[in-house]
Amino acid sequence: MNISNEAFVLGCSAIGIGIAMIAGLGPGIGQGFAAGKAAEAVGRQPEAKSDIMQVMLLGQAVAETTGIYSLVISLIMLFVRPLLAGL
């Protein structure tokens, strides 16, 4: 089984892309948890709805950046193929 260097790098890139996309699970779980807690907080204090929503949306925006970063890295590895330049 002779595997060329290019095929090996492409295979490892595919594995890396899959691992990078697992990072999308964390933000999804975290945002769902934050939205649930915000709904509970609004249920307890309806008069503080705007403050609760502001804090929740800011937190979700920060949490989403990790998912976006993993998507960008995956797309770079998939289409740009920077690792093949060294071969």
N, C-alpha and C. Protein backbone atom coordinates (compact mmCIF):
# COMPACT_ATOMS: atom_id res chain seq x y z
N MET A 1 0.83 -1.18 0.00
CA MET A 1 0.00 0.00 0.00
C MET A 1 0.88 1.24 0.00
N ASN A 2 1.11 1.77 -1.16
CA ASN A 2 1.85 3.01 -1.27
C ASN A 2 0.89 4.17 -1.33
N ILE A 3 0.94 5.00 -0.33
CA ILE A 3 0.08 6.18 -0.27
C ILE A 3 0.96 7.39 -0.55
N SER A 4 0.53 8.20 -1.48
CA SER A 4 1.31 9.39 -1.81
C SER A 4 1.19 10.41 -0.68
N ASN A 5 2.15 11.30 -0.64
CA ASN A 5 2.13 12.34 0.38
C ASN A 5 0.88 13.21 0.28
N GLU A 6 0.47 13.50 -0.93
CA GLU A 6 -0.71 14.33 -1.14
C GLU A 6 -1.97 13.64 -0.61
N ALA A 7 -2.11 12.36 -0.90
CA ALA A 7 -3.28 11.62 -0.42
C ALA A 7 -3.30 11.54 1.10
N PHE A 8 -2.13 11.37 1.71
CA PHE A 8 -2.04 11.30 3.16
C PHE A 8 -2.45 12.63 3.80
N VAL A 9 -1.96 13.72 3.23
CA VAL A 9 -2.29 15.05 3.77
C VAL A 9 -3.78 15.33 3.59
N LEU A 10 -4.34 14.98 2.45
CA LEU A 10 -5.77 15.19 2.22
C LEU A 10 -6.62 14.36 3.18
N GLY A 11 -6.21 13.14 3.44
CA GLY A 11 -6.93 12.30 4.39
C GLY A 11 -6.88 12.86 5.80
N CYS A 12 -5.71 13.30 6.21
CA CYS A 12 -5.57 13.90 7.54
C CYS A 12 -6.36 15.21 7.63
N SER A 13 -6.41 15.96 6.52
CA SER A 13 -7.21 17.19 6.49
C SER A 13 -8.69 16.88 6.68
N ALA A 14 -9.16 15.81 6.05
CA ALA A 14 -10.56 15.43 6.20
C ALA A 14 -10.88 15.06 7.64
N ILE A 15 -9.97 14.36 8.29
CA ILE A 15 -10.17 14.01 9.70
C ILE A 15 -10.17 15.29 10.55
N GLY A 16 -9.25 16.20 10.25
CA GLY A 16 -9.19 17.47 10.98
C GLY A 16 -10.44 18.30 10.80
N ILE A 17 -10.99 18.29 9.59
CA ILE A 17 -12.23 19.02 9.33
C ILE A 17 -13.37 18.45 10.17
N GLY A 18 -13.46 17.14 10.24
CA GLY A 18 -14.50 16.52 11.05
C GLY A 18 -14.35 16.85 12.52
N ILE A 19 -13.13 16.83 13.01
CA ILE A 19 -12.90 17.17 14.42
C ILE A 19 -13.21 18.63 14.67
N ALA A 20 -12.84 19.51 13.74
CA ALA A 20 -13.12 20.94 13.91
C ALA A 20 -14.62 21.20 13.94
N MET A 21 -15.38 20.46 13.17
CA MET A 21 -16.83 20.70 13.15
C MET A 21 -17.52 20.19 14.41
N ILE A 22 -16.87 19.34 15.17
CA ILE A 22 -17.43 18.92 16.46
C ILE A 22 -17.54 20.12 17.39
N ALA A 23 -16.69 21.13 17.16
CA ALA A 23 -16.73 22.33 17.98
C ALA A 23 -18.06 23.07 17.85
N GLY A 24 -18.84 22.76 16.84
CA GLY A 24 -20.16 23.37 16.70
C GLY A 24 -21.18 22.88 17.71
N LEU A 25 -20.90 21.77 18.36
CA LEU A 25 -21.84 21.25 19.36
C LEU A 25 -21.87 22.11 20.62
N GLY A 26 -20.71 22.60 21.02
CA GLY A 26 -20.62 23.39 22.26
C GLY A 26 -21.48 24.64 22.23
N PRO A 27 -21.35 25.48 21.20
CA PRO A 27 -22.18 26.67 21.15
C PRO A 27 -23.68 26.36 21.09
N GLY A 28 -24.05 25.31 20.39
CA GLY A 28 -25.46 24.96 20.32
C GLY A 28 -26.03 24.58 21.67
N ILE A 29 -25.29 23.79 22.41
CA ILE A 29 -25.74 23.39 23.75
C ILE A 29 -25.76 24.60 24.68
N GLY A 30 -24.70 25.40 24.62
CA GLY A 30 -24.62 26.57 25.49
C GLY A 30 -25.69 27.60 25.21
N GLN A 31 -25.98 27.83 23.95
CA GLN A 31 -27.02 28.80 23.61
C GLN A 31 -28.40 28.32 24.01
N GLY A 32 -28.65 27.04 23.86
CA GLY A 32 -29.92 26.49 24.31
C GLY A 32 -30.09 26.61 25.81
N PHE A 33 -29.03 26.33 26.53
CA PHE A 33 -29.06 26.45 27.99
C PHE A 33 -29.30 27.91 28.39
N ALA A 34 -28.60 28.85 27.74
CA ALA A 34 -28.76 30.28 28.06
C ALA A 34 -30.17 30.76 27.75
N ALA A 35 -30.73 30.31 26.63
CA ALA A 35 -32.10 30.73 26.28
C ALA A 35 -33.10 30.17 27.29
N GLY A 36 -32.89 28.96 27.74
CA GLY A 36 -33.78 28.38 28.76
C GLY A 36 -33.72 29.13 30.07
N LYS A 37 -32.51 29.47 30.50
CA LYS A 37 -32.36 30.23 31.74
C LYS A 37 -32.93 31.64 31.60
N ALA A 38 -32.79 32.24 30.42
CA ALA A 38 -33.37 33.57 30.20
C ALA A 38 -34.89 33.51 30.25
N ALA A 39 -35.47 32.45 29.68
CA ALA A 39 -36.93 32.30 29.75
C ALA A 39 -37.39 32.13 31.19
N GLU A 40 -36.62 31.38 31.98
CA GLU A 40 -36.96 31.25 33.41
C GLU A 40 -36.87 32.60 34.12
N ALA A 41 -35.83 33.37 33.81
CA ALA A 41 -35.64 34.67 34.46
C ALA A 41 -36.75 35.64 34.08
N VAL A 42 -37.17 35.63 32.82
CA VAL A 42 -38.27 36.51 32.40
C VAL A 42 -39.57 36.07 33.06
N GLY A 43 -39.73 34.78 33.25
CA GLY A 43 -40.92 34.29 33.95
C GLY A 43 -40.97 34.74 35.40
N ARG A 44 -39.82 34.84 36.03
CA ARG A 44 -39.78 35.30 37.42
C ARG A 44 -39.88 36.81 37.54
N GLN A 45 -39.23 37.54 36.59
CA GLN A 45 -39.21 39.00 36.65
C GLN A 45 -39.54 39.57 35.27
N PRO A 46 -40.81 39.63 34.91
CA PRO A 46 -41.18 40.13 33.58
C PRO A 46 -40.78 41.59 33.34
N GLU A 47 -40.67 42.37 34.41
CA GLU A 47 -40.32 43.78 34.24
C GLU A 47 -38.86 43.97 33.82
N ALA A 48 -38.01 42.96 34.00
CA ALA A 48 -36.59 43.04 33.64
C ALA A 48 -36.31 42.34 32.30
N LYS A 49 -37.35 42.19 31.49
CA LYS A 49 -37.20 41.44 30.24
C LYS A 49 -36.13 42.03 29.32
N SER A 50 -36.11 43.35 29.15
CA SER A 50 -35.16 43.94 28.21
C SER A 50 -33.71 43.75 28.67
N ASP A 51 -33.47 43.88 29.97
CA ASP A 51 -32.11 43.67 30.48
C ASP A 51 -31.68 42.21 30.33
N ILE A 52 -32.59 41.31 30.62
CA ILE A 52 -32.29 39.88 30.50
C ILE A 52 -32.00 39.52 29.05
N MET A 53 -32.79 40.04 28.14
CA MET A 53 -32.59 39.75 26.72
C MET A 53 -31.26 40.31 26.21
N GLN A 54 -30.90 41.51 26.66
CA GLN A 54 -29.63 42.09 26.25
C GLN A 54 -28.45 41.22 26.68
N VAL A 55 -28.45 40.81 27.93
CA VAL A 55 -27.35 39.99 28.45
C VAL A 55 -27.32 38.63 27.75
N MET A 56 -28.50 38.05 27.52
CA MET A 56 -28.55 36.75 26.87
C MET A 56 -28.02 36.84 25.43
N LEU A 57 -28.44 37.84 24.68
CA LEU A 57 -28.01 37.96 23.29
C LEU A 57 -26.51 38.25 23.20
N LEU A 58 -25.98 39.05 24.10
CA LEU A 58 -24.54 39.30 24.10
C LEU A 58 -23.77 38.02 24.40
N GLY A 59 -24.23 37.27 25.38
CA GLY A 59 -23.58 36.01 25.72
C GLY A 59 -23.66 35.01 24.58
N GLN A 60 -24.79 34.96 23.89
CA GLN A 60 -24.92 34.03 22.77
C GLN A 60 -24.05 34.44 21.59
N ALA A 61 -23.89 35.73 21.38
CA ALA A 61 -23.01 36.19 20.31
C ALA A 61 -21.56 35.79 20.58
N VAL A 62 -21.15 35.92 21.82
CA VAL A 62 -19.78 35.53 22.19
C VAL A 62 -19.62 34.02 22.07
N ALA A 63 -20.62 33.26 22.48
CA ALA A 63 -20.54 31.80 22.42
C ALA A 63 -20.51 31.31 20.97
N GLU A 64 -21.18 32.01 20.09
CA GLU A 64 -21.27 31.57 18.70
C GLU A 64 -19.94 31.73 17.96
N THR A 65 -19.06 32.58 18.46
CA THR A 65 -17.80 32.80 17.75
C THR A 65 -16.98 31.52 17.64
N THR A 66 -17.03 30.65 18.64
CA THR A 66 -16.25 29.41 18.54
C THR A 66 -16.77 28.52 17.41
N GLY A 67 -18.07 28.47 17.26
CA GLY A 67 -18.64 27.69 16.16
C GLY A 67 -18.29 28.27 14.80
N ILE A 68 -18.30 29.60 14.71
CA ILE A 68 -17.95 30.26 13.45
C ILE A 68 -16.48 30.04 13.13
N TYR A 69 -15.62 30.14 14.14
CA TYR A 69 -14.19 29.90 13.92
C TYR A 69 -13.95 28.47 13.41
N SER A 70 -14.63 27.50 13.99
CA SER A 70 -14.43 26.12 13.53
C SER A 70 -14.92 25.95 12.10
N LEU A 71 -16.01 26.62 11.75
CA LEU A 71 -16.51 26.54 10.37
C LEU A 71 -15.53 27.17 9.40
N VAL A 72 -14.97 28.33 9.75
CA VAL A 72 -14.01 29.00 8.88
C VAL A 72 -12.76 28.14 8.69
N ILE A 73 -12.26 27.56 9.77
CA ILE A 73 -11.07 26.70 9.68
C ILE A 73 -11.37 25.49 8.79
N SER A 74 -12.55 24.92 8.95
CA SER A 74 -12.92 23.76 8.13
C SER A 74 -13.00 24.13 6.65
N LEU A 75 -13.59 25.28 6.35
CA LEU A 75 -13.69 25.70 4.96
C LEU A 75 -12.32 25.99 4.36
N ILE A 76 -11.44 26.58 5.15
CA ILE A 76 -10.07 26.82 4.66
C ILE A 76 -9.38 25.50 4.37
N MET A 77 -9.51 24.54 5.29
CA MET A 77 -8.86 23.25 5.08
C MET A 77 -9.47 22.50 3.89
N LEU A 78 -10.75 22.71 3.66
CA LEU A 78 -11.43 21.99 2.58
C LEU A 78 -11.11 22.56 1.21
N PHE A 79 -11.11 23.88 1.09
CA PHE A 79 -10.99 24.49 -0.23
C PHE A 79 -9.62 25.09 -0.54
N VAL A 80 -8.96 25.66 0.45
CA VAL A 80 -7.69 26.33 0.18
C VAL A 80 -6.55 25.33 0.17
N ARG A 81 -6.65 24.33 1.00
CA ARG A 81 -5.63 23.28 1.11
C ARG A 81 -4.23 23.83 1.36
N PRO A 82 -4.07 24.58 2.48
CA PRO A 82 -2.78 25.20 2.75
C PRO A 82 -1.68 24.19 3.06
N LEU A 83 -2.04 23.01 3.51
CA LEU A 83 -1.03 22.03 3.87
C LEU A 83 -0.33 21.43 2.66
N LEU A 84 -0.99 21.47 1.51
CA LEU A 84 -0.38 20.89 0.31
C LEU A 84 0.70 21.77 -0.27
N ALA A 85 0.75 23.02 0.14
CA ALA A 85 1.76 23.93 -0.41
C ALA A 85 3.16 23.50 0.02
N GLY A 86 3.28 22.82 1.16
CA GLY A 86 4.58 22.42 1.65
C GLY A 86 5.12 21.16 1.00
N LEU A 87 4.32 20.48 0.22
CA LEU A 87 4.78 19.23 -0.41
C LEU A 87 5.59 19.49 -1.63
